[in-house]
PDB file of N, CA and C in Angstrom:
ATOM      1  N   MET A   1      97.253 -47.962 123.720  1.00  0.00           N
ATOM      2  CA  MET A   1      95.950 -47.065 123.790  1.00  0.00           C
ATOM      3  C   MET A   1      95.680 -46.534 122.501  1.00  0.00           C
ATOM      4  N   GLY A   2      94.446 -46.234 122.249  1.00  0.00           N
ATOM      5  CA  GLY A   2      94.003 -45.755 120.992  1.00  0.00           C
ATOM      6  C   GLY A   2      93.383 -44.371 120.975  1.00  0.00           C
ATOM      7  N   LYS A   3      93.107 -43.815 119.851  1.00  0.00           N
ATOM      8  CA  LYS A   3      92.468 -42.559 119.786  1.00  0.00           C
ATOM      9  C   LYS A   3      91.060 -42.812 119.219  1.00  0.00           C
ATOM     10  N   ARG A   4      90.093 -42.312 119.746  1.00  0.00           N
ATOM     11  CA  ARG A   4      88.758 -42.494 119.206  1.00  0.00           C
ATOM     12  C   ARG A   4      88.304 -41.135 118.546  1.00  0.00           C
ATOM     13  N   SER A   5      87.685 -41.113 117.380  1.00  0.00           N
ATOM     14  CA  SER A   5      87.355 -39.991 116.817  1.00  0.00           C
ATOM     15  C   SER A   5      86.266 -40.276 115.703  1.00  0.00           C
ATOM     16  N   TYR A   6      86.058 -39.509 114.731  1.00  0.00           N
ATOM     17  CA  TYR A   6      85.199 -39.814 113.646  1.00  0.00           C
ATOM     18  C   TYR A   6      85.761 -39.181 112.321  1.00  0.00           C
ATOM     19  N   LEU A   7      85.201 -39.786 111.211  1.00  0.00           N
ATOM     20  CA  LEU A   7      85.536 -39.219 109.865  1.00  0.00           C
ATOM     21  C   LEU A   7      84.290 -38.983 109.037  1.00  0.00           C
ATOM     22  N   LYS A   8      84.423 -38.319 107.936  1.00  0.00           N
ATOM     23  CA  LYS A   8      83.502 -38.480 106.877  1.00  0.00           C
ATOM     24  C   LYS A   8      84.254 -38.973 105.644  1.00  0.00           C
ATOM     25  N   VAL A   9      83.525 -39.465 104.581  1.00  0.00           N
ATOM     26  CA  VAL A   9      84.190 -39.977 103.398  1.00  0.00           C
ATOM     27  C   VAL A   9      85.209 -38.845 102.922  1.00  0.00           C
ATOM     28  N   GLY A  10      86.430 -39.310 102.577  1.00  0.00           N
ATOM     29  CA  GLY A  10      87.457 -38.337 102.273  1.00  0.00           C
ATOM     30  C   GLY A  10      88.411 -38.079 103.356  1.00  0.00           C
ATOM     31  N   GLY A  11      88.053 -38.361 104.583  1.00  0.00           N
ATOM     32  CA  GLY A  11      88.919 -38.172 105.617  1.00  0.00           C
ATOM     33  C   GLY A  11      90.185 -39.041 105.820  1.00  0.00           C
ATOM     34  N   ILE A  12      91.247 -38.566 106.500  1.00  0.00           N
ATOM     35  CA  ILE A  12      92.341 -39.367 106.690  1.00  0.00           C
ATOM     36  C   ILE A  12      92.861 -39.535 108.109  1.00  0.00           C
ATOM     37  N   ILE A  13      93.511 -40.565 108.375  1.00  0.00           N
ATOM     38  CA  ILE A  13      94.171 -40.928 109.656  1.00  0.00           C
ATOM     39  C   ILE A  13      95.603 -41.143 109.313  1.00  0.00           C
ATOM     40  N   LYS A  14      96.532 -40.469 110.003  1.00  0.00           N
ATOM     41  CA  LYS A  14      97.945 -40.665 109.862  1.00  0.00           C
ATOM     42  C   LYS A  14      98.585 -40.904 111.106  1.00  0.00           C
ATOM     43  N   ALA A  15      99.341 -42.073 111.167  1.00  0.00           N
ATOM     44  CA  ALA A  15     100.015 -42.342 112.345  1.00  0.00           C
ATOM     45  C   ALA A  15     101.342 -42.936 111.905  1.00  0.00           C
ATOM     46  N   GLY A  16     102.503 -42.273 112.177  1.00  0.00           N
ATOM     47  CA  GLY A  16     103.758 -42.766 111.872  1.00  0.00           C
ATOM     48  C   GLY A  16     103.769 -43.252 110.351  1.00  0.00           C
ATOM     49  N   PRO A  17     104.194 -44.481 110.158  1.00  0.00           N
ATOM     50  CA  PRO A  17     104.267 -44.989 108.675  1.00  0.00           C
ATOM     51  C   PRO A  17     103.114 -45.345 107.972  1.00  0.00           C
ATOM     52  N   VAL A  18     101.939 -45.175 108.660  1.00  0.00           N
ATOM     53  CA  VAL A  18     100.658 -45.665 108.241  1.00  0.00           C
ATOM     54  C   VAL A  18      99.708 -44.522 107.927  1.00  0.00           C
ATOM     55  N   LEU A  19      99.021 -44.658 106.713  1.00  0.00           N
ATOM     56  CA  LEU A  19      98.065 -43.614 106.410  1.00  0.00           C
ATOM     57  C   LEU A  19      96.724 -44.330 105.942  1.00  0.00           C
ATOM     58  N   PHE A  20      95.603 -44.031 106.581  1.00  0.00           N
ATOM     59  CA  PHE A  20      94.267 -44.598 106.175  1.00  0.00           C
ATOM     60  C   PHE A  20      93.527 -43.371 105.422  1.00  0.00           C
ATOM     61  N   ASN A  21      92.802 -43.811 104.422  1.00  0.00           N
ATOM     62  CA  ASN A  21      91.936 -42.834 103.705  1.00  0.00           C
ATOM     63  C   ASN A  21      90.667 -43.498 103.491  1.00  0.00           C
ATOM     64  N   ALA A  22      89.615 -42.900 104.056  1.00  0.00           N
ATOM     65  CA  ALA A  22      88.137 -43.488 103.930  1.00  0.00           C
ATOM     66  C   ALA A  22      87.616 -42.975 102.804  1.00  0.00           C
ATOM     67  N   ILE A  23      87.493 -43.752 101.601  1.00  0.00           N
ATOM     68  CA  ILE A  23      87.141 -43.336 100.360  1.00  0.00           C
ATOM     69  C   ILE A  23      85.530 -43.566  99.922  1.00  0.00           C
ATOM     70  N   ALA A  24      84.896 -44.353 100.746  1.00  0.00           N
ATOM     71  CA  ALA A  24      83.509 -44.624 100.461  1.00  0.00           C
ATOM     72  C   ALA A  24      82.888 -45.398 101.379  1.00  0.00           C
ATOM     73  N   ILE A  25      81.416 -45.250 101.620  1.00  0.00           N
ATOM     74  CA  ILE A  25      80.637 -45.990 102.497  1.00  0.00           C
ATOM     75  C   ILE A  25      79.785 -46.948 101.571  1.00  0.00           C
ATOM     76  N   LYS A  26      79.806 -48.229 101.768  1.00  0.00           N
ATOM     77  CA  LYS A  26      79.032 -49.036 100.949  1.00  0.00           C
ATOM     78  C   LYS A  26      77.867 -49.544 101.867  1.00  0.00           C
ATOM     79  N   ARG A  27      76.679 -49.570 101.313  1.00  0.00           N
ATOM     80  CA  ARG A  27      75.474 -49.974 101.987  1.00  0.00           C
ATOM     81  C   ARG A  27      74.771 -50.949 101.268  1.00  0.00           C
ATOM     82  N   ILE A  28      74.439 -52.102 101.892  1.00  0.00           N
ATOM     83  CA  ILE A  28      73.684 -53.233 101.344  1.00  0.00           C
ATOM     84  C   ILE A  28      72.642 -53.642 102.259  1.00  0.00           C
ATOM     85  N   GLY A  29      71.331 -53.198 102.029  1.00  0.00           N
ATOM     86  CA  GLY A  29      70.286 -53.384 103.087  1.00  0.00           C
ATOM     87  C   GLY A  29      70.653 -52.560 104.287  1.00  0.00           C
ATOM     88  N   THR A  30      70.571 -53.434 105.407  1.00  0.00           N
ATOM     89  CA  THR A  30      70.894 -52.619 106.703  1.00  0.00           C
ATOM     90  C   THR A  30      72.475 -52.808 106.951  1.00  0.00           C
ATOM     91  N   ALA A  31      73.137 -53.585 106.191  1.00  0.00           N
ATOM     92  CA  ALA A  31      74.599 -53.640 106.446  1.00  0.00           C
ATOM     93  C   ALA A  31      75.368 -52.519 105.733  1.00  0.00           C
ATOM     94  N   SER A  32      76.476 -52.169 106.435  1.00  0.00           N
ATOM     95  CA  SER A  32      77.296 -51.020 105.812  1.00  0.00           C
ATOM     96  C   SER A  32      78.718 -51.481 106.229  1.00  0.00           C
ATOM     97  N   GLU A  33      79.617 -50.889 105.273  1.00  0.00           N
ATOM     98  CA  GLU A  33      81.060 -51.141 105.388  1.00  0.00           C
ATOM     99  C   GLU A  33      81.761 -49.822 104.825  1.00  0.00           C
ATOM    100  N   VAL A  34      82.971 -49.655 105.283  1.00  0.00           N
ATOM    101  CA  VAL A  34      83.715 -48.493 104.885  1.00  0.00           C
ATOM    102  C   VAL A  34      84.984 -48.986 104.019  1.00  0.00           C
ATOM    103  N   GLU A  35      85.164 -48.485 102.787  1.00  0.00           N
ATOM    104  CA  GLU A  35      86.188 -48.693 101.979  1.00  0.00           C
ATOM    105  C   GLU A  35      87.394 -47.760 102.316  1.00  0.00           C
ATOM    106  N   VAL A  36      88.500 -48.493 102.688  1.00  0.00           N
ATOM    107  CA  VAL A  36      89.682 -47.737 103.068  1.00  0.00           C
ATOM    108  C   VAL A  36      90.949 -48.063 102.258  1.00  0.00           C
ATOM    109  N   ILE A  37      91.478 -47.116 101.822  1.00  0.00           N
ATOM    110  CA  ILE A  37      92.795 -47.336 101.174  1.00  0.00           C
ATOM    111  C   ILE A  37      93.901 -46.546 101.844  1.00  0.00           C
ATOM    112  N   GLY A  38      95.182 -46.901 101.653  1.00  0.00           N
ATOM    113  CA  GLY A  38      96.153 -46.223 102.180  1.00  0.00           C
ATOM    114  C   GLY A  38      97.594 -46.914 101.904  1.00  0.00           C
ATOM    115  N   THR A  39      98.543 -46.478 102.724  1.00  0.00           N
ATOM    116  CA  THR A  39      99.874 -47.020 102.656  1.00  0.00           C
ATOM    117  C   THR A  39     100.527 -47.361 104.038  1.00  0.00           C
ATOM    118  N   ALA A  40     101.290 -48.404 104.043  1.00  0.00           N
ATOM    119  CA  ALA A  40     102.087 -48.836 105.313  1.00  0.00           C
ATOM    120  C   ALA A  40     103.369 -49.114 104.947  1.00  0.00           C
ATOM    121  N   ASP A  41     104.268 -48.235 105.381  1.00  0.00           N
ATOM    122  CA  ASP A  41     105.761 -48.299 105.026  1.00  0.00           C
ATOM    123  C   ASP A  41     105.811 -48.263 103.567  1.00  0.00           C
ATOM    124  N   GLY A  42     104.970 -47.400 102.838  1.00  0.00           N
ATOM    125  CA  GLY A  42     105.143 -47.073 101.544  1.00  0.00           C
ATOM    126  C   GLY A  42     104.483 -48.186 100.593  1.00  0.00           C
ATOM    127  N   GLN A  43     103.940 -49.255 101.177  1.00  0.00           N
ATOM    128  CA  GLN A  43     103.192 -50.199 100.471  1.00  0.00           C
ATOM    129  C   GLN A  43     101.654 -49.947 100.603  1.00  0.00           C
ATOM    130  N   PRO A  44     100.969 -49.914  99.386  1.00  0.00           N
ATOM    131  CA  PRO A  44      99.677 -49.778  99.305  1.00  0.00           C
ATOM    132  C   PRO A  44      98.787 -50.843  99.975  1.00  0.00           C
ATOM    133  N   PHE A  45      97.637 -50.465 100.365  1.00  0.00           N
ATOM    134  CA  PHE A  45      96.679 -51.539 100.876  1.00  0.00           C
ATOM    135  C   PHE A  45      95.186 -51.099 100.722  1.00  0.00           C
ATOM    136  N   GLY A  46      94.290 -51.899 100.708  1.00  0.00           N
ATOM    137  CA  GLY A  46      92.924 -51.673 100.659  1.00  0.00           C
ATOM    138  C   GLY A  46      92.087 -52.451 101.481  1.00  0.00           C
ATOM    139  N   TYR A  47      91.058 -52.070 102.176  1.00  0.00           N
ATOM    140  CA  TYR A  47      90.190 -52.879 103.045  1.00  0.00           C
ATOM    141  C   TYR A  47      88.698 -52.410 102.955  1.00  0.00           C
ATOM    142  N   MET A  48      87.963 -53.400 103.028  1.00  0.00           N
ATOM    143  CA  MET A  48      86.511 -53.163 103.274  1.00  0.00           C
ATOM    144  C   MET A  48      86.301 -53.399 104.669  1.00  0.00           C
ATOM    145  N   ILE A  49      85.842 -52.437 105.598  1.00  0.00           N
ATOM    146  CA  ILE A  49      85.893 -52.618 106.928  1.00  0.00           C
ATOM    147  C   ILE A  49      84.289 -52.497 107.447  1.00  0.00           C
ATOM    148  N   GLN A  50      83.887 -53.428 108.168  1.00  0.00           N
ATOM    149  CA  GLN A  50      82.478 -53.402 108.781  1.00  0.00           C
ATOM    150  C   GLN A  50      82.538 -52.984 110.274  1.00  0.00           C
ATOM    151  N   PRO A  51      81.553 -52.386 110.786  1.00  0.00           N
ATOM    152  CA  PRO A  51      81.670 -52.019 112.132  1.00  0.00           C
ATOM    153  C   PRO A  51      81.862 -53.221 113.024  1.00  0.00           C
ATOM    154  N   GLY A  52      82.812 -52.927 114.045  1.00  0.00           N
ATOM    155  CA  GLY A  52      83.321 -54.078 114.875  1.00  0.00           C
ATOM    156  C   GLY A  52      84.466 -54.748 114.342  1.00  0.00           C
ATOM    157  N   GLN A  53      84.896 -54.353 113.168  1.00  0.00           N
ATOM    158  CA  GLN A  53      86.056 -55.148 112.460  1.00  0.00           C
ATOM    159  C   GLN A  53      87.330 -54.300 112.792  1.00  0.00           C
ATOM    160  N   ARG A  54      88.414 -54.963 112.928  1.00  0.00           N
ATOM    161  CA  ARG A  54      89.714 -54.206 113.079  1.00  0.00           C
ATOM    162  C   ARG A  54      90.708 -54.661 112.072  1.00  0.00           C
ATOM    163  N   VAL A  55      91.584 -53.815 111.472  1.00  0.00           N
ATOM    164  CA  VAL A  55      92.556 -54.133 110.501  1.00  0.00           C
ATOM    165  C   VAL A  55      93.820 -53.617 110.968  1.00  0.00           C
ATOM    166  N   GLU A  56      94.894 -54.332 110.730  1.00  0.00           N
ATOM    167  CA  GLU A  56      96.191 -54.001 111.186  1.00  0.00           C
ATOM    168  C   GLU A  56      97.292 -54.162 109.966  1.00  0.00           C
ATOM    169  N   PRO A  57      97.459 -53.102 109.178  1.00  0.00           N
ATOM    170  CA  PRO A  57      98.461 -53.260 108.188  1.00  0.00           C
ATOM    171  C   PRO A  57      99.862 -53.456 108.518  1.00  0.00           C
ATOM    172  N   LEU A  58     100.155 -52.971 109.618  1.00  0.00           N
ATOM    173  CA  LEU A  58     101.554 -53.174 110.345  1.00  0.00           C
ATOM    174  C   LEU A  58     101.395 -53.427 111.718  1.00  0.00           C
ATOM    175  N   PRO A  59     102.203 -54.241 112.289  1.00  0.00           N
ATOM    176  CA  PRO A  59     102.068 -54.670 113.734  1.00  0.00           C
ATOM    177  C   PRO A  59     102.011 -53.448 114.552  1.00  0.00           C
ATOM    178  N   GLY A  60     100.915 -53.395 115.337  1.00  0.00           N
ATOM    179  CA  GLY A  60     100.730 -52.290 116.319  1.00  0.00           C
ATOM    180  C   GLY A  60      99.967 -51.070 115.772  1.00  0.00           C
ATOM    181  N   TYR A  61      99.853 -50.888 114.378  1.00  0.00           N
ATOM    182  CA  TYR A  61      99.032 -49.905 113.727  1.00  0.00           C
ATOM    183  C   TYR A  61      97.753 -50.494 113.284  1.00  0.00           C
ATOM    184  N   ALA A  62      96.731 -49.995 113.873  1.00  0.00           N
ATOM    185  CA  ALA A  62      95.488 -50.619 113.617  1.00  0.00           C
ATOM    186  C   ALA A  62      94.159 -49.594 113.557  1.00  0.00           C
ATOM    187  N   LEU A  63      93.246 -50.062 112.815  1.00  0.00           N
ATOM    188  CA  LEU A  63      92.167 -49.217 112.793  1.00  0.00           C
ATOM    189  C   LEU A  63      90.762 -50.138 113.059  1.00  0.00           C
ATOM    190  N   ARG A  64      89.973 -49.604 113.961  1.00  0.00           N
ATOM    191  CA  ARG A  64      88.552 -50.310 114.244  1.00  0.00           C
ATOM    192  C   ARG A  64      87.587 -49.410 113.975  1.00  0.00           C
ATOM    193  N   ILE A  65      86.710 -49.883 113.107  1.00  0.00           N
ATOM    194  CA  ILE A  65      85.461 -49.064 113.001  1.00  0.00           C
ATOM    195  C   ILE A  65      84.483 -49.451 113.985  1.00  0.00           C
ATOM    196  N   ASP A  66      83.936 -48.505 114.645  1.00  0.00           N
ATOM    197  CA  ASP A  66      82.939 -48.680 115.794  1.00  0.00           C
ATOM    198  C   ASP A  66      81.443 -48.583 115.173  1.00  0.00           C
ATOM    199  N   ARG A  67      81.205 -47.509 114.538  1.00  0.00           N
ATOM    200  CA  ARG A  67      79.931 -47.392 113.961  1.00  0.00           C
ATOM    201  C   ARG A  67      79.865 -46.468 112.761  1.00  0.00           C
ATOM    202  N   ILE A  68      78.826 -46.701 111.853  1.00  0.00           N
ATOM    203  CA  ILE A  68      78.731 -45.840 110.703  1.00  0.00           C
ATOM    204  C   ILE A  68      77.306 -45.411 110.787  1.00  0.00           C
ATOM    205  N   THR A  69      77.091 -44.098 110.970  1.00  0.00           N
ATOM    206  CA  THR A  69      75.785 -43.417 111.019  1.00  0.00           C
ATOM    207  C   THR A  69      75.017 -43.177 109.872  1.00  0.00           C
ATOM    208  N   GLU A  70      73.803 -43.027 109.830  1.00  0.00           N
ATOM    209  CA  GLU A  70      72.980 -42.794 108.625  1.00  0.00           C
ATOM    210  C   GLU A  70      73.393 -41.540 107.879  1.00  0.00           C
ATOM    211  N   ASN A  71      73.990 -40.629 108.594  1.00  0.00           N
ATOM    212  CA  ASN A  71      74.315 -39.293 107.914  1.00  0.00           C
ATOM    213  C   ASN A  71      75.887 -39.489 107.473  1.00  0.00           C
ATOM    214  N   GLY A  72      76.398 -40.607 107.424  1.00  0.00           N
ATOM    215  CA  GLY A  72      77.828 -40.807 106.954  1.00  0.00           C
ATOM    216  C   GLY A  72      78.881 -40.608 107.879  1.00  0.00           C
ATOM    217  N   ARG A  73      78.636 -40.497 109.129  1.00  0.00           N
ATOM    218  CA  ARG A  73      79.792 -40.296 110.065  1.00  0.00           C
ATOM    219  C   ARG A  73      80.346 -41.661 110.479  1.00  0.00           C
ATOM    220  N   ILE A  74      81.704 -41.899 110.284  1.00  0.00           N
ATOM    221  CA  ILE A  74      82.401 -43.045 110.542  1.00  0.00           C
ATOM    222  C   ILE A  74      83.169 -42.964 111.878  1.00  0.00           C
ATOM    223  N   GLU A  75      82.603 -43.578 112.935  1.00  0.00           N
ATOM    224  CA  GLU A  75      83.185 -43.406 114.306  1.00  0.00           C
ATOM    225  C   GLU A  75      84.188 -44.673 114.265  1.00  0.00           C
ATOM    226  N   PHE A  76      85.467 -44.347 114.879  1.00  0.00           N
ATOM    227  CA  PHE A  76      86.535 -45.337 114.846  1.00  0.00           C
ATOM    228  C   PHE A  76      87.466 -45.175 116.034  1.00  0.00           C
ATOM    229  N   GLU A  77      88.331 -46.119 116.231  1.00  0.00           N
ATOM    230  CA  GLU A  77      89.444 -46.050 117.118  1.00  0.00           C
ATOM    231  C   GLU A  77      90.686 -46.512 116.459  1.00  0.00           C
ATOM    232  N   ALA A  78      91.741 -45.610 116.444  1.00  0.00           N
ATOM    233  CA  ALA A  78      92.976 -45.882 115.850  1.00  0.00           C
ATOM    234  C   ALA A  78      93.923 -46.159 116.806  1.00  0.00           C
ATOM    235  N   PHE A  79      94.934 -47.069 116.531  1.00  0.00           N
ATOM    236  CA  PHE A  79      95.981 -47.435 117.451  1.00  0.00           C
ATOM    237  C   PHE A  79      97.241 -47.290 116.741  1.00  0.00           C
ATOM    238  N   ALA A  80      98.362 -46.817 117.591  1.00  0.00           N
ATOM    239  CA  ALA A  80      99.759 -46.618 117.082  1.00  0.00           C
ATOM    240  C   ALA A  80     100.683 -46.688 118.226  1.00  0.00           C
ATOM    241  N   PRO A  81     101.613 -47.504 118.200  1.00  0.00           N
ATOM    242  CA  PRO A  81     102.607 -47.469 119.319  1.00  0.00           C
ATOM    243  C   PRO A  81     103.479 -46.271 119.291  1.00  0.00           C
ATOM    244  N   PHE A  82     103.417 -45.537 120.535  1.00  0.00           N
ATOM    245  CA  PHE A  82     104.342 -44.377 120.530  1.00  0.00           C
ATOM    246  C   PHE A  82     104.351 -43.429 119.481  1.00  0.00           C
ATOM    247  N   GLU A  83     103.232 -43.194 118.705  1.00  0.00           N
ATOM    248  CA  GLU A  83     103.067 -42.174 117.706  1.00  0.00           C
ATOM    249  C   GLU A  83     101.837 -41.348 117.930  1.00  0.00           C
ATOM    250  N   HIS A  84     102.044 -40.078 117.488  1.00  0.00           N
ATOM    251  CA  HIS A  84     100.971 -39.206 117.473  1.00  0.00           C
ATOM    252  C   HIS A  84     100.033 -39.592 116.311  1.00  0.00           C
ATOM    253  N   ILE A  85      98.615 -39.640 116.566  1.00  0.00           N
ATOM    254  CA  ILE A  85      97.674 -39.900 115.515  1.00  0.00           C
ATOM    255  C   ILE A  85      96.983 -38.617 115.140  1.00  0.00           C
ATOM    256  N   HIS A  86      97.169 -38.405 113.858  1.00  0.00           N
ATOM    257  CA  HIS A  86      96.510 -37.167 113.274  1.00  0.00           C
ATOM    258  C   HIS A  86      95.254 -37.456 112.436  1.00  0.00           C
ATOM    259  N   VAL A  87      94.159 -36.786 112.747  1.00  0.00           N
ATOM    260  CA  VAL A  87      92.940 -37.108 111.960  1.00  0.00           C
ATOM    261  C   VAL A  87      92.560 -35.849 111.272  1.00  0.00           C
ATOM    262  N   GLN A  88      92.239 -36.099 109.952  1.00  0.00           N
ATOM    263  CA  GLN A  88      91.560 -34.982 109.178  1.00  0.00           C
ATOM    264  C   GLN A  88      90.250 -35.401 108.807  1.00  0.00           C
ATOM    265  N   THR A  89      89.142 -34.903 109.487  1.00  0.00           N
ATOM    266  CA  THR A  89      87.789 -35.355 109.578  1.00  0.00           C
ATOM    267  C   THR A  89      87.307 -35.524 108.044  1.00  0.00           C
ATOM    268  N   LYS A  90      87.501 -34.654 107.205  1.00  0.00           N
ATOM    269  CA  LYS A  90      87.021 -34.768 105.810  1.00  0.00           C
ATOM    270  C   LYS A  90      88.006 -34.092 104.984  1.00  0.00           C
ATOM    271  N   GLN A  91      87.864 -34.482 103.649  1.00  0.00           N
ATOM    272  CA  GLN A  91      88.867 -33.885 102.652  1.00  0.00           C
ATOM    273  C   GLN A  91      88.365 -32.446 102.524  1.00  0.00           C
ATOM    274  N   LYS A  92      89.517 -31.553 102.410  1.00  0.00           N
ATOM    275  CA  LYS A  92      89.164 -30.163 102.214  1.00  0.00           C
ATOM    276  C   LYS A  92      89.001 -29.802 100.736  1.00  0.00           C
ATOM    277  N   GLN A  93      87.843 -29.171 100.519  1.00  0.00           N
ATOM    278  CA  GLN A  93      87.363 -28.945  99.154  1.00  0.00           C
ATOM    279  C   GLN A  93      88.047 -27.610  98.623  1.00  0.00           C
ATOM    280  N   ALA A  94      88.474 -27.651  97.530  1.00  0.00           N
ATOM    281  CA  ALA A  94      89.028 -26.516  96.788  1.00  0.00           C
ATOM    282  C   ALA A  94      87.821 -25.638  96.360  1.00  0.00           C
ATOM    283  N   ARG A  95      87.947 -24.337  96.522  1.00  0.00           N
ATOM    284  CA  ARG A  95      86.886 -23.418  96.208  1.00  0.00           C
ATOM    285  C   ARG A  95      87.115 -22.988  94.641  1.00  0.00           C
ATOM    286  N   THR A  96      86.099 -22.947  93.854  1.00  0.00           N
ATOM    287  CA  THR A  96      86.220 -22.569  92.476  1.00  0.00           C
ATOM    288  C   THR A  96      85.268 -21.451  92.241  1.00  0.00           C
ATOM    289  N   ALA A  97      85.673 -20.331  91.548  1.00  0.00           N
ATOM    290  CA  ALA A  97      84.794 -19.351  91.226  1.00  0.00           C
ATOM    291  C   ALA A  97      84.008 -19.732  90.031  1.00  0.00           C
ATOM    292  N   GLY A  98      82.766 -19.369  90.025  1.00  0.00           N
ATOM    293  CA  GLY A  98      81.753 -19.587  88.902  1.00  0.00           C
ATOM    294  C   GLY A  98      82.085 -18.749  87.792  1.00  0.00           C
ATOM    295  N   VAL A  99      81.914 -19.338  86.575  1.00  0.00           N
ATOM    296  CA  VAL A  99      82.249 -18.710  85.275  1.00  0.00           C
ATOM    297  C   VAL A  99      80.810 -18.340  84.719  1.00  0.00           C
ATOM    298  N   GLN A 100      80.647 -16.996  84.410  1.00  0.00           N
ATOM    299  CA  GLN A 100      79.429 -16.647  83.703  1.00  0.00           C
ATOM    300  C   GLN A 100      79.492 -16.445  82.267  1.00  0.00           C
TER     301      GLN A 100
END
């Protein structure tokens, strides 16, 4: 069974030994795909994932992109055997004070 949720660019999904990080949305005409980097058991990986496509960097640990909306929302389902799936929707931005 998987977990359905959404991300924005910079968001992460962590499940056991696998970490997915959505770093960009690429659009070519009406087609779009998500650039995902991460690690699986300490080994780096990178994927370009189109809606409807599923990637599985380790057996049982998978990510399927369901939809990419016009406003940059990445809807997905993540799968992990017997593991909690943690989602951080978007990267937390550091606040900086303005210098005058």
